[in-house]
N, C-alpha and C. Protein backbone atom coordinates (compact mmCIF):
# COMPACT_ATOMS: atom_id res chain seq x y z
N UNK A 1 -9.95 10.36 12.31
CA UNK A 1 -11.26 9.72 12.90
C UNK A 1 -11.02 9.33 14.47
N UNK A 2 -11.91 9.64 15.26
CA UNK A 2 -11.79 9.65 16.64
C UNK A 2 -12.59 8.66 17.29
N UNK A 3 -13.87 8.41 16.75
CA UNK A 3 -14.89 7.55 17.48
C UNK A 3 -15.67 6.76 16.30
N UNK A 4 -15.97 5.58 16.80
CA UNK A 4 -16.92 4.67 15.99
C UNK A 4 -18.15 4.64 16.61
N UNK A 5 -19.24 4.81 16.04
CA UNK A 5 -20.51 4.93 16.62
C UNK A 5 -21.07 3.40 16.93
N UNK A 6 -20.67 2.41 16.18
CA UNK A 6 -21.12 1.10 16.49
C UNK A 6 -20.19 0.39 17.49
N UNK A 7 -21.01 -0.24 18.48
CA UNK A 7 -20.27 -0.80 19.72
C UNK A 7 -19.79 -2.03 19.18
N UNK A 8 -18.51 -2.37 19.70
CA UNK A 8 -17.86 -3.66 19.24
C UNK A 8 -18.67 -4.79 19.67
N UNK A 9 -18.76 -5.83 18.98
CA UNK A 9 -19.55 -7.16 19.34
C UNK A 9 -21.07 -6.92 19.50
N UNK A 10 -21.57 -5.94 18.73
CA UNK A 10 -22.93 -5.59 18.90
C UNK A 10 -23.84 -6.44 18.16
N UNK A 11 -23.33 -7.25 17.36
CA UNK A 11 -24.25 -8.33 16.60
C UNK A 11 -25.15 -7.42 15.69
N UNK A 12 -24.77 -6.34 15.32
CA UNK A 12 -25.54 -5.36 14.30
C UNK A 12 -25.35 -5.97 12.83
N UNK A 13 -26.45 -5.94 12.29
CA UNK A 13 -26.44 -6.37 10.85
C UNK A 13 -26.29 -5.27 9.81
N UNK A 14 -25.29 -5.56 8.82
CA UNK A 14 -25.07 -4.51 7.88
C UNK A 14 -25.05 -5.28 6.52
N UNK A 15 -26.02 -5.12 5.62
CA UNK A 15 -25.98 -5.97 4.36
C UNK A 15 -24.80 -5.70 3.54
N UNK A 16 -24.28 -4.64 3.49
CA UNK A 16 -23.07 -4.48 2.67
C UNK A 16 -21.93 -5.26 3.08
N UNK A 17 -21.60 -5.17 4.42
CA UNK A 17 -20.50 -6.00 5.06
C UNK A 17 -20.85 -7.57 4.89
N UNK A 18 -21.99 -7.92 5.11
CA UNK A 18 -22.44 -9.22 4.91
C UNK A 18 -22.16 -9.63 3.36
N UNK A 19 -22.52 -8.90 2.44
CA UNK A 19 -22.21 -9.14 1.01
C UNK A 19 -20.86 -9.48 0.77
N UNK A 20 -19.97 -8.43 1.22
CA UNK A 20 -18.56 -8.43 1.11
C UNK A 20 -17.97 -9.79 1.53
N UNK A 21 -18.22 -10.02 2.75
CA UNK A 21 -17.74 -11.33 3.55
C UNK A 21 -18.34 -12.57 2.72
N UNK A 22 -19.50 -12.52 2.49
CA UNK A 22 -20.09 -13.57 1.69
C UNK A 22 -19.49 -13.80 0.28
N UNK A 23 -18.97 -12.71 -0.33
CA UNK A 23 -18.23 -12.83 -1.53
C UNK A 23 -16.94 -13.61 -1.29
N UNK A 24 -16.18 -13.17 -0.26
CA UNK A 24 -15.07 -13.77 0.05
C UNK A 24 -15.24 -15.46 0.23
N UNK A 25 -16.43 -15.69 1.07
CA UNK A 25 -16.52 -17.13 1.29
C UNK A 25 -16.99 -17.77 -0.08
N UNK A 26 -17.75 -17.20 -0.99
CA UNK A 26 -18.11 -17.81 -2.15
C UNK A 26 -16.75 -18.11 -3.04
N UNK A 27 -15.86 -17.16 -3.01
CA UNK A 27 -14.73 -17.40 -3.79
C UNK A 27 -13.80 -18.56 -3.29
N UNK A 28 -13.71 -18.58 -1.94
CA UNK A 28 -13.10 -19.67 -1.25
C UNK A 28 -13.77 -20.96 -1.57
N UNK A 29 -15.06 -21.08 -1.50
CA UNK A 29 -15.77 -22.30 -1.88
C UNK A 29 -15.56 -22.59 -3.32
N UNK A 30 -15.52 -21.79 -4.29
CA UNK A 30 -15.65 -21.97 -5.62
C UNK A 30 -14.16 -22.35 -6.11
N UNK A 31 -13.11 -21.71 -5.58
CA UNK A 31 -11.70 -21.78 -6.10
C UNK A 31 -10.70 -22.23 -5.02
N UNK A 32 -11.24 -22.16 -3.79
CA UNK A 32 -10.30 -22.87 -2.85
C UNK A 32 -9.33 -21.76 -2.21
N UNK A 33 -9.43 -20.67 -2.70
CA UNK A 33 -8.74 -19.43 -2.22
C UNK A 33 -9.11 -18.13 -2.74
N UNK A 34 -8.75 -17.12 -2.42
CA UNK A 34 -9.02 -15.82 -2.87
C UNK A 34 -7.77 -15.02 -3.22
N UNK A 35 -7.73 -14.33 -4.45
CA UNK A 35 -6.46 -13.76 -4.98
C UNK A 35 -6.20 -12.69 -4.05
N UNK A 36 -5.06 -12.34 -3.80
CA UNK A 36 -4.48 -11.19 -2.96
C UNK A 36 -5.03 -9.86 -3.28
N UNK A 37 -5.06 -9.54 -4.55
CA UNK A 37 -5.58 -8.28 -5.07
C UNK A 37 -6.98 -8.17 -4.91
N UNK A 38 -7.64 -9.31 -5.17
CA UNK A 38 -9.20 -9.20 -4.89
C UNK A 38 -9.58 -8.98 -3.49
N UNK A 39 -8.87 -9.82 -2.62
CA UNK A 39 -9.15 -9.65 -1.17
C UNK A 39 -8.77 -8.29 -0.63
N UNK A 40 -7.53 -7.82 -1.20
CA UNK A 40 -7.23 -6.39 -0.64
C UNK A 40 -8.22 -5.47 -1.04
N UNK A 41 -8.88 -5.50 -2.33
CA UNK A 41 -9.86 -4.53 -2.71
C UNK A 41 -11.11 -4.65 -1.86
N UNK A 42 -11.62 -5.75 -1.50
CA UNK A 42 -12.81 -6.04 -0.70
C UNK A 42 -12.41 -5.51 0.75
N UNK A 43 -11.25 -5.79 1.22
CA UNK A 43 -10.99 -5.20 2.58
C UNK A 43 -10.80 -3.78 2.63
N UNK A 44 -10.31 -3.11 1.65
CA UNK A 44 -10.26 -1.66 1.61
C UNK A 44 -11.64 -1.10 1.46
N UNK A 45 -12.39 -1.71 0.55
CA UNK A 45 -13.82 -1.24 0.42
C UNK A 45 -14.64 -1.39 1.94
N UNK A 46 -14.48 -2.38 2.54
CA UNK A 46 -15.08 -2.52 3.76
C UNK A 46 -14.51 -1.53 4.84
N UNK A 47 -13.30 -1.43 4.90
CA UNK A 47 -12.57 -0.31 5.77
C UNK A 47 -13.19 1.02 5.55
N UNK A 48 -13.20 1.52 4.32
CA UNK A 48 -13.68 2.85 3.97
C UNK A 48 -15.09 2.86 4.33
N UNK A 49 -15.92 1.87 4.02
CA UNK A 49 -17.40 1.87 4.31
C UNK A 49 -17.52 2.00 5.92
N UNK A 50 -16.86 1.20 6.60
CA UNK A 50 -16.87 1.21 8.15
C UNK A 50 -16.77 2.81 8.62
N UNK A 51 -15.71 3.38 8.17
CA UNK A 51 -15.41 4.71 8.58
C UNK A 51 -16.40 5.57 8.18
N UNK A 52 -16.88 5.56 7.01
CA UNK A 52 -17.90 6.56 6.55
C UNK A 52 -19.23 6.31 7.19
N UNK A 53 -19.60 4.94 7.35
CA UNK A 53 -20.93 4.74 7.84
C UNK A 53 -21.04 4.83 9.38
N UNK A 54 -19.93 4.38 10.02
CA UNK A 54 -20.08 4.30 11.47
C UNK A 54 -19.02 5.18 12.14
N UNK A 55 -18.26 5.85 11.62
CA UNK A 55 -17.35 6.83 12.14
C UNK A 55 -17.92 8.17 12.35
N UNK A 56 -17.50 8.86 13.38
CA UNK A 56 -18.04 10.16 13.56
C UNK A 56 -16.89 11.00 13.95
N UNK A 57 -16.65 12.20 13.31
CA UNK A 57 -15.57 13.11 13.60
C UNK A 57 -16.07 14.25 14.55
N UNK A 58 -15.14 14.35 15.59
CA UNK A 58 -15.42 15.45 16.46
C UNK A 58 -15.09 16.78 16.04
N UNK A 59 -15.72 17.77 16.26
CA UNK A 59 -15.28 19.08 15.85
C UNK A 59 -14.13 19.68 16.71
N UNK A 60 -13.13 19.90 15.91
CA UNK A 60 -11.89 20.31 16.72
C UNK A 60 -12.02 22.00 16.73
N UNK A 61 -11.86 22.49 17.94
CA UNK A 61 -12.07 23.92 17.97
C UNK A 61 -10.84 24.57 17.25
N UNK A 62 -10.98 25.59 16.59
CA UNK A 62 -10.00 26.29 15.72
C UNK A 62 -9.06 27.10 16.84
N UNK A 63 -7.76 26.78 16.72
CA UNK A 63 -6.84 27.34 17.42
C UNK A 63 -6.16 28.72 16.93
N UNK A 64 -6.33 29.81 17.65
CA UNK A 64 -5.79 30.97 17.09
C UNK A 64 -4.31 31.21 17.84
N UNK A 65 -3.53 31.69 17.18
CA UNK A 65 -2.17 32.02 17.61
C UNK A 65 -1.25 32.26 16.67
N UNK A 66 0.00 32.15 16.93
CA UNK A 66 1.04 32.53 16.10
C UNK A 66 1.46 33.90 16.30
N UNK A 67 2.27 34.42 15.54
CA UNK A 67 3.01 35.69 15.65
C UNK A 67 2.11 36.77 15.03
N UNK A 68 2.12 37.90 15.68
CA UNK A 68 1.43 39.07 15.07
C UNK A 68 2.37 39.62 13.93
N UNK A 69 1.56 40.39 13.04
CA UNK A 69 2.22 40.85 11.99
C UNK A 69 3.43 41.62 12.26
N UNK A 70 3.55 42.39 13.21
CA UNK A 70 4.71 43.24 13.54
C UNK A 70 5.82 42.20 13.98
N UNK A 71 5.54 41.19 14.63
CA UNK A 71 6.53 40.29 15.13
C UNK A 71 7.07 39.42 13.92
N UNK A 72 6.18 39.06 13.05
CA UNK A 72 6.78 38.56 11.74
C UNK A 72 7.80 39.33 11.08
N UNK A 73 7.32 40.67 10.95
CA UNK A 73 8.15 41.70 10.09
C UNK A 73 9.56 41.82 11.00
N UNK A 74 9.50 41.75 12.25
CA UNK A 74 10.76 41.97 13.07
C UNK A 74 11.68 40.64 12.85
N UNK A 75 11.07 39.50 12.77
CA UNK A 75 11.88 38.22 12.65
C UNK A 75 12.45 38.45 11.19
N UNK A 76 11.86 38.89 10.21
CA UNK A 76 12.46 38.94 8.91
C UNK A 76 13.56 39.95 8.89
N UNK A 77 13.61 41.05 9.81
CA UNK A 77 14.53 42.01 9.82
C UNK A 77 15.83 41.42 10.50
N UNK A 78 15.59 40.51 11.43
CA UNK A 78 16.81 40.04 12.10
C UNK A 78 17.38 38.82 11.40
N UNK A 79 18.77 38.72 11.67
CA UNK A 79 19.42 37.64 11.24
C UNK A 79 19.43 36.60 12.49
N UNK A 80 18.42 35.83 12.68
CA UNK A 80 18.17 35.06 13.87
C UNK A 80 19.41 33.91 13.90
N UNK A 81 19.89 33.38 12.97
CA UNK A 81 20.90 32.36 13.32
C UNK A 81 22.22 32.99 13.70
N UNK A 82 22.47 34.33 13.16
CA UNK A 82 23.74 34.85 13.59
C UNK A 82 23.64 35.36 15.00
N UNK A 83 22.47 35.81 15.47
CA UNK A 83 22.25 36.29 16.68
C UNK A 83 22.39 35.21 17.82
N UNK A 84 21.89 33.86 17.50
CA UNK A 84 21.89 32.81 18.29
C UNK A 84 23.35 32.13 18.45
N UNK A 85 24.00 32.16 17.27
CA UNK A 85 25.45 31.63 17.30
C UNK A 85 26.32 32.39 18.12
N UNK A 86 26.16 33.68 18.07
CA UNK A 86 27.19 34.60 19.08
C UNK A 86 28.29 34.98 18.02
N UNK A 87 29.02 35.96 18.47
CA UNK A 87 30.27 36.44 17.67
C UNK A 87 31.20 35.36 17.35
N UNK A 88 31.61 34.48 18.23
CA UNK A 88 32.69 33.62 17.94
C UNK A 88 32.33 32.51 16.89
N UNK A 89 31.13 32.31 16.64
CA UNK A 89 30.77 31.31 15.74
C UNK A 89 30.17 31.73 14.38
N UNK A 90 30.28 33.01 14.09
CA UNK A 90 29.73 33.48 12.95
C UNK A 90 30.44 33.09 11.62
N UNK A 91 31.62 32.52 11.84
CA UNK A 91 32.39 31.98 10.63
C UNK A 91 31.66 30.75 10.13
N UNK A 92 30.60 30.04 10.99
CA UNK A 92 29.95 28.86 10.54
C UNK A 92 28.88 29.05 9.57
N UNK A 93 28.56 30.47 9.37
CA UNK A 93 27.50 30.63 8.53
C UNK A 93 28.03 30.77 7.06
């Protein structure tokens, strides 16, 4: 996620978020507290909703690259680790 389309402190009204926070307030008024699992579920729901409703994903250009087929074959033919270590350290292999 890269951008959120709703500006911070915009005072925009969203009925779903108002309902979720209202439910938390109702539970506090009725029972004096909100159970941790219940609050976590409501916050997770609100988070997912915010990202899906107000988030916008940028298109990331596809990057081409990597080794050509002949280069991959050549790497497979070589013993890269023994070539990098040199003749004195081949006993480490």
